[in-house]
C-alpha atoms as a PDB file:
ATOM      1  CA  MET A   1      91.975  76.992 107.301  1.00  0.00           C
ATOM      2  CA  TRP A   2      94.049  77.763 104.522  1.00  0.00           C
ATOM      3  CA  PRO A   3      97.386  76.737 104.777  1.00  0.00           C
ATOM      4  CA  PHE A   4      99.775  79.561 105.499  1.00  0.00           C
ATOM      5  CA  LYS A   5     101.888  80.349 102.172  1.00  0.00           C
ATOM      6  CA  SER A   6     105.846  80.338 102.226  1.00  0.00           C
ATOM      7  CA  GLY A   7     108.134  80.846  99.636  1.00  0.00           C
ATOM      8  CA  PRO A   8     110.785  83.702  99.340  1.00  0.00           C
ATOM      9  CA  VAL A   9     108.765  87.416  98.379  1.00  0.00           C
ATOM     10  CA  VAL A  10     110.293  89.567  95.765  1.00  0.00           C
ATOM     11  CA  PRO A  11     108.934  93.428  95.942  1.00  0.00           C
ATOM     12  CA  VAL A  12     107.548  94.862  93.173  1.00  0.00           C
ATOM     13  CA  LEU A  13     107.260  98.256  92.118  1.00  0.00           C
ATOM     14  CA  ARG A  14     105.130  99.478  88.890  1.00  0.00           C
ATOM     15  CA  LEU A  15     105.842 102.564  87.702  1.00  0.00           C
ATOM     16  CA  SER A  16     103.507 103.585  84.948  1.00  0.00           C
ATOM     17  CA  GLY A  17     102.546 107.006  83.255  1.00  0.00           C
ATOM     18  CA  THR A  18     104.049 110.032  82.288  1.00  0.00           C
ATOM     19  CA  ILE A  19     107.111 111.462  84.574  1.00  0.00           C
ATOM     20  CA  GLY A  20     107.124 114.732  86.029  1.00  0.00           C
ATOM     21  CA  MET A  21     103.898 115.737  84.637  1.00  0.00           C
ATOM     22  CA  ALA A  22     101.429 116.468  87.126  1.00  0.00           C
ATOM     23  CA  THR A  23      98.383 119.060  87.819  1.00  0.00           C
ATOM     24  CA  PRO A  24      95.871 118.697  90.924  1.00  0.00           C
ATOM     25  CA  LEU A  25      93.839 116.080  89.152  1.00  0.00           C
ATOM     26  CA  ARG A  26      96.439 113.925  87.154  1.00  0.00           C
ATOM     27  CA  PRO A  27      99.645 113.322  89.148  1.00  0.00           C
ATOM     28  CA  GLY A  28     102.564 111.995  87.286  1.00  0.00           C
ATOM     29  CA  LEU A  29     105.619 110.094  87.943  1.00  0.00           C
ATOM     30  CA  SER A  30     108.198 111.906  90.411  1.00  0.00           C
ATOM     31  CA  ILE A  31     110.407 111.042  93.296  1.00  0.00           C
ATOM     32  CA  ALA A  32     108.331 112.890  95.548  1.00  0.00           C
ATOM     33  CA  GLY A  33     105.567 110.388  94.729  1.00  0.00           C
ATOM     34  CA  VAL A  34     107.967 107.373  94.554  1.00  0.00           C
ATOM     35  CA  ALA A  35     109.988 107.820  97.406  1.00  0.00           C
ATOM     36  CA  GLY A  36     108.508 106.256 100.152  1.00  0.00           C
ATOM     37  CA  PRO A  37     107.461 103.071  97.996  1.00  0.00           C
ATOM     38  CA  ILE A  38     110.898 103.014  96.913  1.00  0.00           C
ATOM     39  CA  GLU A  39     112.256 102.733 100.539  1.00  0.00           C
ATOM     40  CA  LYS A  40     109.501 100.265 101.598  1.00  0.00           C
ATOM     41  CA  ALA A  41     110.475  98.010  98.447  1.00  0.00           C
ATOM     42  CA  PHE A  42     113.980  97.759  99.782  1.00  0.00           C
ATOM     43  CA  SER A  43     113.005  96.653 103.332  1.00  0.00           C
ATOM     44  CA  MET A  44     110.454  94.456 103.205  1.00  0.00           C
ATOM     45  CA  SER A  45     111.865  91.534 102.126  1.00  0.00           C
ATOM     46  CA  LYS A  46     115.191  89.401 102.979  1.00  0.00           C
ATOM     47  CA  VAL A  47     115.859  88.432  99.256  1.00  0.00           C
ATOM     48  CA  GLY A  48     118.006  90.256  97.400  1.00  0.00           C
ATOM     49  CA  ALA A  49     116.184  91.295  94.912  1.00  0.00           C
ATOM     50  CA  VAL A  50     113.875  94.071  93.643  1.00  0.00           C
ATOM     51  CA  ALA A  51     111.627  94.095  90.469  1.00  0.00           C
ATOM     52  CA  VAL A  52     110.590  97.299  88.866  1.00  0.00           C
ATOM     53  CA  VAL A  53     108.124  97.342  86.439  1.00  0.00           C
ATOM     54  CA  ILE A  54     108.237 100.225  83.855  1.00  0.00           C
ATOM     55  CA  ASN A  55     105.381 100.995  81.657  1.00  0.00           C
ATOM     56  CA  SER A  56     106.468 104.800  80.319  1.00  0.00           C
ATOM     57  CA  PRO A  57     106.835 107.090  77.512  1.00  0.00           C
ATOM     58  CA  GLY A  58     109.073 109.420  79.455  1.00  0.00           C
ATOM     59  CA  GLY A  59     108.496 112.894  80.688  1.00  0.00           C
ATOM     60  CA  SER A  60     110.918 115.246  82.770  1.00  0.00           C
ATOM     61  CA  PRO A  61     114.275 114.119  82.671  1.00  0.00           C
ATOM     62  CA  VAL A  62     115.364 115.678  86.122  1.00  0.00           C
ATOM     63  CA  GLN A  63     112.660 113.577  87.830  1.00  0.00           C
ATOM     64  CA  SER A  64     113.616 110.561  85.429  1.00  0.00           C
ATOM     65  CA  SER A  65     117.303 110.997  86.626  1.00  0.00           C
ATOM     66  CA  LEU A  66     116.092 111.506  90.612  1.00  0.00           C
ATOM     67  CA  ILE A  67     114.078 107.898  90.367  1.00  0.00           C
ATOM     68  CA  LEU A  68     116.899 106.351  88.952  1.00  0.00           C
ATOM     69  CA  LYS A  69     119.476 107.709  91.477  1.00  0.00           C
ATOM     70  CA  ARG A  70     117.217 106.611  94.230  1.00  0.00           C
ATOM     71  CA  LEU A  71     116.893 103.358  93.132  1.00  0.00           C
ATOM     72  CA  ARG A  72     120.701 102.332  92.715  1.00  0.00           C
ATOM     73  CA  GLN A  73     121.310 104.337  96.096  1.00  0.00           C
ATOM     74  CA  LEU A  74     118.920 101.909  97.941  1.00  0.00           C
ATOM     75  CA  ALA A  75     120.133  98.805  95.753  1.00  0.00           C
ATOM     76  CA  ASP A  76     123.945  99.602  96.628  1.00  0.00           C
ATOM     77  CA  GLU A  77     122.850 100.607 100.642  1.00  0.00           C
ATOM     78  CA  LYS A  78     120.993  97.001 101.178  1.00  0.00           C
ATOM     79  CA  LYS A  79     123.075  95.130  98.790  1.00  0.00           C
ATOM     80  CA  LYS A  80     120.297  94.174  96.306  1.00  0.00           C
ATOM     81  CA  LYS A  81     119.465  93.820  92.383  1.00  0.00           C
ATOM     82  CA  ILE A  82     117.329  95.533  90.573  1.00  0.00           C
ATOM     83  CA  TYR A  83     115.781  93.609  87.808  1.00  0.00           C
ATOM     84  CA  VAL A  84     113.399  95.971  85.833  1.00  0.00           C
ATOM     85  CA  PHE A  85     110.636  94.516  83.261  1.00  0.00           C
ATOM     86  CA  CYS A  86     109.210  96.810  80.533  1.00  0.00           C
ATOM     87  CA  GLU A  87     105.914  96.490  79.623  1.00  0.00           C
ATOM     88  CA  ASP A  88     103.836  98.513  76.525  1.00  0.00           C
ATOM     89  CA  VAL A  89     106.925 100.895  76.573  1.00  0.00           C
ATOM     90  CA  ALA A  90     109.888 102.174  78.256  1.00  0.00           C
ATOM     91  CA  ALA A  91     110.874 104.953  76.253  1.00  0.00           C
ATOM     92  CA  SER A  92     112.672 108.396  76.567  1.00  0.00           C
ATOM     93  CA  GLY A  93     112.599 109.076  80.359  1.00  0.00           C
ATOM     94  CA  GLY A  94     110.844 105.510  80.897  1.00  0.00           C
ATOM     95  CA  TYR A  95     114.007 104.032  79.637  1.00  0.00           C
ATOM     96  CA  TYR A  96     116.077 106.300  81.511  1.00  0.00           C
ATOM     97  CA  ILE A  97     114.521 104.939  84.818  1.00  0.00           C
ATOM     98  CA  ALA A  98     114.758 101.271  83.584  1.00  0.00           C
ATOM     99  CA  LEU A  99     118.626 101.963  83.583  1.00  0.00           C
ATOM    100  CA  ALA A 100     118.600 101.839  87.161  1.00  0.00           C
ATOM    101  CA  GLY A 101     118.085  97.727  86.690  1.00  0.00           C
ATOM    102  CA  ASP A 102     121.196  95.514  87.002  1.00  0.00           C
ATOM    103  CA  GLN A 103     119.173  93.646  84.309  1.00  0.00           C
ATOM    104  CA  ILE A 104     116.357  94.798  81.792  1.00  0.00           C
ATOM    105  CA  PHE A 105     113.828  92.473  80.187  1.00  0.00           C
ATOM    106  CA  ALA A 106     110.977  93.367  78.115  1.00  0.00           C
ATOM    107  CA  ASP A 107     107.771  91.381  76.358  1.00  0.00           C
ATOM    108  CA  ALA A 108     108.281  90.880  72.694  1.00  0.00           C
ATOM    109  CA  SER A 109     106.056  93.690  71.647  1.00  0.00           C
ATOM    110  CA  SER A 110     107.308  96.371  74.164  1.00  0.00           C
ATOM    111  CA  ILE A 111     108.594  99.540  72.787  1.00  0.00           C
ATOM    112  CA  VAL A 112     112.125 100.418  74.182  1.00  0.00           C
ATOM    113  CA  GLY A 113     114.706 103.223  73.230  1.00  0.00           C
ATOM    114  CA  SER A 114     113.838 107.216  72.150  1.00  0.00           C
ATOM    115  CA  ILE A 115     117.296 108.250  73.560  1.00  0.00           C
ATOM    116  CA  GLY A 116     116.711 111.994  73.105  1.00  0.00           C
ATOM    117  CA  VAL A 117     115.383 114.918  74.325  1.00  0.00           C
ATOM    118  CA  ILE A 118     112.145 116.671  73.027  1.00  0.00           C
ATOM    119  CA  SER A 119     110.259 120.017  73.139  1.00  0.00           C
ATOM    120  CA  ALA A 120     107.093 120.731  71.511  1.00  0.00           C
ATOM    121  CA  SER A 121     105.136 123.811  71.164  1.00  0.00           C
ATOM    122  CA  PHE A 122     102.915 125.622  68.730  1.00  0.00           C
ATOM    123  CA  GLY A 123     103.094 128.805  67.026  1.00  0.00           C
ATOM    124  CA  LEU A 124     100.033 131.073  67.377  1.00  0.00           C
ATOM    125  CA  ASP A 125     101.133 134.567  66.206  1.00  0.00           C
ATOM    126  CA  ARG A 126      99.374 134.642  62.847  1.00  0.00           C
ATOM    127  CA  ALA A 127      96.472 133.308  64.343  1.00  0.00           C
ATOM    128  CA  ILE A 128      95.880 135.852  66.917  1.00  0.00           C
ATOM    129  CA  GLU A 129      96.802 138.369  64.166  1.00  0.00           C
ATOM    130  CA  ARG A 130      93.975 137.094  62.093  1.00  0.00           C
ATOM    131  CA  LEU A 131      91.672 137.867  65.142  1.00  0.00           C
ATOM    132  CA  SER A 132      93.304 141.661  65.530  1.00  0.00           C
ATOM    133  CA  ILE A 133      94.457 140.418  68.842  1.00  0.00           C
ATOM    134  CA  ASP A 134      97.420 142.160  70.736  1.00  0.00           C
ATOM    135  CA  ARG A 135      99.753 140.199  72.840  1.00  0.00           C
ATOM    136  CA  ARG A 136     101.515 142.710  75.320  1.00  0.00           C
ATOM    137  CA  VAL A 137     104.010 140.942  77.170  1.00  0.00           C
ATOM    138  CA  TYR A 138     106.544 143.034  79.539  1.00  0.00           C
ATOM    139  CA  THR A 139     109.992 141.574  80.397  1.00  0.00           C
ATOM    140  CA  SER A 140     113.085 142.973  82.607  1.00  0.00           C
ATOM    141  CA  GLY A 141     115.104 140.295  81.086  1.00  0.00           C
ATOM    142  CA  GLU A 142     115.494 140.477  77.161  1.00  0.00           C
ATOM    143  CA  HIS A 143     115.079 136.577  77.134  1.00  0.00           C
ATOM    144  CA  LYS A 144     112.433 136.007  79.473  1.00  0.00           C
ATOM    145  CA  GLY A 145     109.959 135.941  76.841  1.00  0.00           C
ATOM    146  CA  THR A 146     111.681 133.228  74.538  1.00  0.00           C
ATOM    147  CA  LEU A 147     109.682 130.798  72.578  1.00  0.00           C
ATOM    148  CA  ASP A 148     106.399 132.840  73.774  1.00  0.00           C
ATOM    149  CA  MET A 149     104.247 130.658  71.255  1.00  0.00           C
ATOM    150  CA  PHE A 150     102.064 133.976  70.681  1.00  0.00           C
ATOM    151  CA  GLN A 151     105.030 135.898  69.091  1.00  0.00           C
ATOM    152  CA  PRO A 152     107.034 135.238  66.024  1.00  0.00           C
ATOM    153  CA  GLU A 153     109.729 132.504  66.330  1.00  0.00           C
ATOM    154  CA  LYS A 154     113.212 134.069  66.969  1.00  0.00           C
ATOM    155  CA  PRO A 155     116.289 132.040  65.422  1.00  0.00           C
ATOM    156  CA  ASP A 156     118.381 132.628  68.474  1.00  0.00           C
ATOM    157  CA  ASP A 157     115.571 131.514  70.878  1.00  0.00           C
ATOM    158  CA  VAL A 158     115.669 128.166  68.933  1.00  0.00           C
ATOM    159  CA  GLU A 159     119.191 127.852  68.933  1.00  0.00           C
ATOM    160  CA  ARG A 160     119.534 128.247  72.749  1.00  0.00           C
ATOM    161  CA  LEU A 161     116.754 126.041  73.190  1.00  0.00           C
ATOM    162  CA  LYS A 162     118.733 123.432  71.161  1.00  0.00           C
ATOM    163  CA  SER A 163     121.754 124.042  73.040  1.00  0.00           C
ATOM    164  CA  ILE A 164     119.999 123.093  76.398  1.00  0.00           C
ATOM    165  CA  GLN A 165     118.690 120.327  74.410  1.00  0.00           C
ATOM    166  CA  ARG A 166     122.333 118.993  73.453  1.00  0.00           C
ATOM    167  CA  ASP A 167     123.380 119.423  77.369  1.00  0.00           C
ATOM    168  CA  VAL A 168     120.790 117.295  78.553  1.00  0.00           C
ATOM    169  CA  HIS A 169     120.839 114.555  75.515  1.00  0.00           C
ATOM    170  CA  ASP A 170     124.600 114.028  76.440  1.00  0.00           C
ATOM    171  CA  VAL A 171     123.586 113.619  80.036  1.00  0.00           C
ATOM    172  CA  PHE A 172     121.104 110.737  78.777  1.00  0.00           C
ATOM    173  CA  ILE A 173     123.775 109.339  76.814  1.00  0.00           C
ATOM    174  CA  GLY A 174     126.340 109.086  79.616  1.00  0.00           C
ATOM    175  CA  VAL A 175     124.360 107.400  81.996  1.00  0.00           C
ATOM    176  CA  VAL A 176     123.186 104.527  79.459  1.00  0.00           C
ATOM    177  CA  LYS A 177     127.098 104.331  78.538  1.00  0.00           C
ATOM    178  CA  GLU A 178     127.499 103.973  82.069  1.00  0.00           C
ATOM    179  CA  ARG A 179     124.795 101.752  82.981  1.00  0.00           C
ATOM    180  CA  ARG A 180     125.040  99.648  80.026  1.00  0.00           C
ATOM    181  CA  ALA A 181     128.837  99.348  79.855  1.00  0.00           C
ATOM    182  CA  GLY A 182     130.269  96.222  77.625  1.00  0.00           C
ATOM    183  CA  ARG A 183     126.652  95.341  76.591  1.00  0.00           C
ATOM    184  CA  LEU A 184     125.854  98.107  73.940  1.00  0.00           C
ATOM    185  CA  LYS A 185     126.636  96.872  70.473  1.00  0.00           C
ATOM    186  CA  GLY A 186     125.283  99.707  68.198  1.00  0.00           C
ATOM    187  CA  LEU A 187     126.973 103.014  67.072  1.00  0.00           C
ATOM    188  CA  ASP A 188     126.388 106.286  68.872  1.00  0.00           C
ATOM    189  CA  GLY A 189     125.159 107.417  65.629  1.00  0.00           C
ATOM    190  CA  GLU A 190     122.585 104.802  65.353  1.00  0.00           C
ATOM    191  CA  LEU A 191     121.883 104.389  69.093  1.00  0.00           C
ATOM    192  CA  PHE A 192     121.240 107.717  70.125  1.00  0.00           C
ATOM    193  CA  THR A 193     119.114 109.573  67.425  1.00  0.00           C
ATOM    194  CA  GLY A 194     116.327 109.563  69.408  1.00  0.00           C
ATOM    195  CA  ALA A 195     114.953 106.200  67.711  1.00  0.00           C
ATOM    196  CA  PHE A 196     113.016 103.863  69.596  1.00  0.00           C
ATOM    197  CA  TRP A 197     112.562  99.750  68.417  1.00  0.00           C
ATOM    198  CA  SER A 198     110.665  96.696  69.492  1.00  0.00           C
ATOM    199  CA  ALA A 199     112.469  94.382  72.167  1.00  0.00           C
ATOM    200  CA  PRO A 200     114.129  91.772  69.924  1.00  0.00           C
ATOM    201  CA  ARG A 201     115.786  94.934  68.283  1.00  0.00           C
ATOM    202  CA  ALA A 202     116.673  96.629  71.582  1.00  0.00           C
ATOM    203  CA  MET A 203     118.150  93.482  72.900  1.00  0.00           C
ATOM    204  CA  GLU A 204     120.201  92.923  69.864  1.00  0.00           C
ATOM    205  CA  PHE A 205     121.684  96.875  70.612  1.00  0.00           C
ATOM    206  CA  GLY A 206     122.263  95.699  74.006  1.00  0.00           C
ATOM    207  CA  LEU A 207     119.574  98.400  75.429  1.00  0.00           C
ATOM    208  CA  ILE A 208     117.931  95.061  77.457  1.00  0.00           C
ATOM    209  CA  ASP A 209     118.943  91.495  78.576  1.00  0.00           C
ATOM    210  CA  GLY A 210     116.182  89.594  77.526  1.00  0.00           C
ATOM    211  CA  ILE A 211     112.787  88.787  76.625  1.00  0.00           C
ATOM    212  CA  SER A 212     110.681  87.936  79.859  1.00  0.00           C
ATOM    213  CA  ASP A 213     107.937  88.874  81.978  1.00  0.00           C
ATOM    214  CA  VAL A 214     108.584  89.633  85.980  1.00  0.00           C
ATOM    215  CA  ARG A 215     106.695  86.427  86.939  1.00  0.00           C
ATOM    216  CA  THR A 216     108.737  84.287  84.362  1.00  0.00           C
ATOM    217  CA  LYS A 217     111.965  85.689  85.488  1.00  0.00           C
ATOM    218  CA  MET A 218     111.483  85.678  89.143  1.00  0.00           C
ATOM    219  CA  ARG A 219     110.197  82.220  88.879  1.00  0.00           C
ATOM    220  CA  GLU A 220     113.542  81.330  87.062  1.00  0.00           C
ATOM    221  CA  LEU A 221     115.682  83.037  89.938  1.00  0.00           C
ATOM    222  CA  TYR A 222     113.664  81.942  93.327  1.00  0.00           C
ATOM    223  CA  GLY A 223     111.447  78.946  92.080  1.00  0.00           C
ATOM    224  CA  PRO A 224     108.071  78.310  91.884  1.00  0.00           C
ATOM    225  CA  GLU A 225     107.034  79.152  95.231  1.00  0.00           C
ATOM    226  CA  VAL A 226     108.254  82.495  94.886  1.00  0.00           C
ATOM    227  CA  ARG A 227     105.944  85.325  95.737  1.00  0.00           C
ATOM    228  CA  LEU A 228     105.729  89.025  94.526  1.00  0.00           C
ATOM    229  CA  LYS A 229     104.190  91.517  96.584  1.00  0.00           C
ATOM    230  CA  VAL A 230     103.710  94.674  94.766  1.00  0.00           C
ATOM    231  CA  VAL A 231     104.512  98.092  96.815  1.00  0.00           C
ATOM    232  CA  PRO A 232     101.654 100.684  96.014  1.00  0.00           C
ATOM    233  CA  LEU A 233     102.256 103.924  94.836  1.00  0.00           C
ATOM    234  CA  GLU A 234     100.731 106.934  96.254  1.00  0.00           C
ATOM    235  CA  ARG A 235      99.058 108.492  93.031  1.00  0.00           C
ATOM    236  CA  GLY A 236      96.159 110.345  94.386  1.00  0.00           C
ATOM    237  CA  GLY A 237      95.306 113.423  93.069  1.00  0.00           C
ATOM    238  CA  LEU A 238      93.130 116.299  94.487  1.00  0.00           C
ATOM    239  CA  PHE A 239      89.732 114.080  93.617  1.00  0.00           C
ATOM    240  CA  SER A 240      91.501 111.101  95.662  1.00  0.00           C
ATOM    241  CA  ARG A 241      92.623 113.571  98.515  1.00  0.00           C
ATOM    242  CA  LEU A 242      89.000 114.928  98.741  1.00  0.00           C
ATOM    243  CA  ARG A 243      87.089 111.873  98.738  1.00  0.00           C
ATOM    244  CA  ARG A 244      89.123 110.890 101.945  1.00  0.00           C
ATOM    245  CA  LEU A 245      87.184 113.505 103.572  1.00  0.00           C
ATOM    246  CA  PRO A 246      83.818 112.440 105.137  1.00  0.00           C
ATOM    247  CA  SER A 247      81.473 114.951 103.922  1.00  0.00           C
ATOM    248  CA  PHE A 248      83.328 115.321 100.453  1.00  0.00           C
ATOM    249  CA  SER A 249      80.838 115.599  97.434  1.00  0.00           C
ATOM    250  CA  LEU A 250      81.109 117.417  94.021  1.00  0.00           C
ATOM    251  CA  SER A 251      78.244 119.498  94.926  1.00  0.00           C
ATOM    252  CA  ALA A 252      79.412 119.999  98.620  1.00  0.00           C
ATOM    253  CA  ALA A 253      82.856 120.956  97.705  1.00  0.00           C
ATOM    254  CA  GLY A 254      81.075 123.436  95.552  1.00  0.00           C
ATOM    255  CA  GLY A 255      83.087 122.074  92.596  1.00  0.00           C
ATOM    256  CA  LEU A 256      86.786 122.627  91.469  1.00  0.00           C
ATOM    257  CA  PRO A 257      88.254 125.846  90.002  1.00  0.00           C
ATOM    258  CA  GLY A 258      87.829 125.748  86.605  1.00  0.00           C
ATOM    259  CA  LEU A 259      91.700 126.336  86.495  1.00  0.00           C
ATOM    260  CA  ALA A 260      92.438 123.275  87.758  1.00  0.00           C
ATOM    261  CA  ILE A 261      90.100 121.248  85.593  1.00  0.00           C
ATOM    262  CA  GLY A 262      91.184 123.190  82.745  1.00  0.00           C
ATOM    263  CA  ASP A 263      95.220 122.398  83.694  1.00  0.00           C
ATOM    264  CA  ASP A 264      94.223 118.602  84.322  1.00  0.00           C
ATOM    265  CA  LEU A 265      92.917 118.538  80.554  1.00  0.00           C
ATOM    266  CA  VAL A 266      95.771 120.181  78.880  1.00  0.00           C
ATOM    267  CA  SER A 267      97.986 117.833  80.768  1.00  0.00           C
ATOM    268  CA  ALA A 268      95.934 114.894  79.649  1.00  0.00           C
ATOM    269  CA  VAL A 269      96.145 115.945  76.085  1.00  0.00           C
ATOM    270  CA  GLU A 270      99.866 116.236  76.513  1.00  0.00           C
ATOM    271  CA  ALA A 271     100.040 112.841  78.307  1.00  0.00           C
ATOM    272  CA  ARG A 272      97.986 111.643  75.354  1.00  0.00           C
ATOM    273  CA  ALA A 273     100.420 113.021  72.578  1.00  0.00           C
ATOM    274  CA  ILE A 274     103.353 111.534  74.267  1.00  0.00           C
ATOM    275  CA  TRP A 275     101.776 107.900  74.240  1.00  0.00           C
ATOM    276  CA  SER A 276     100.968 108.275  70.616  1.00  0.00           C
ATOM    277  CA  ARG A 277     104.262 108.672  69.588  1.00  0.00           C
ATOM    278  CA  TYR A 278     104.910 104.780  70.024  1.00  0.00           C
ATOM    279  CA  GLY A 279     101.545 103.851  68.718  1.00  0.00           C
ATOM    280  CA  LEU A 280      99.932 103.420  71.874  1.00  0.00           C
END
């Protein structure tokens, strides 16, 4: 028989992927998907710490905020520290969630930051005009069709969007200043432009606390016998849920609706575009 393994157990939450972007086939990170695992992570060990590993280029500011708040609520209730570890990238919403950490660490090659707000779309009004396609939109509110990509861009619509972005950006900045109080070293005009940096530079700015990985840091804190126990996330999309049915196969299910597959393809392209901003 193998000897019984002893040693302190540190729960590890791995939060990977875009935030809030979800389709039936490709669920993103959201409070609905991570609330249960977060609860479990704070209940499964007597060790006064939970490790959170983040690999995310961002996404929904609302879901980022909700995840951060739930992490902090449980940390305060259970009187445990959160140690965050950034992998390839913790940017925008990914960095927002990282702010839940009492301490934040990253690999020397990690990308960190992008404290800003972005909205991207296409202008297809001239394309459909060349194809002699009429765009017919009927609304009961004058701003209901704001920024419709098939209609010419209106300066008032753009300014309205930028006003909302400024409000969201201000909230993000406020969270950074609150969570990193006393540690930030850069000027506002330098930190909050939406720029992102390698981990060593982010450390100079006070956005993270050091260069390390989860296993190395936990061994430093809790000794070489420490055990890391990953808490699995429920990330199953429509395919994985259907596969749990005994009789499921693509042919038996009759195929999936084309709309769901189309939505998933669009979501995959959008997610790829977000990752590519950081050279990944």
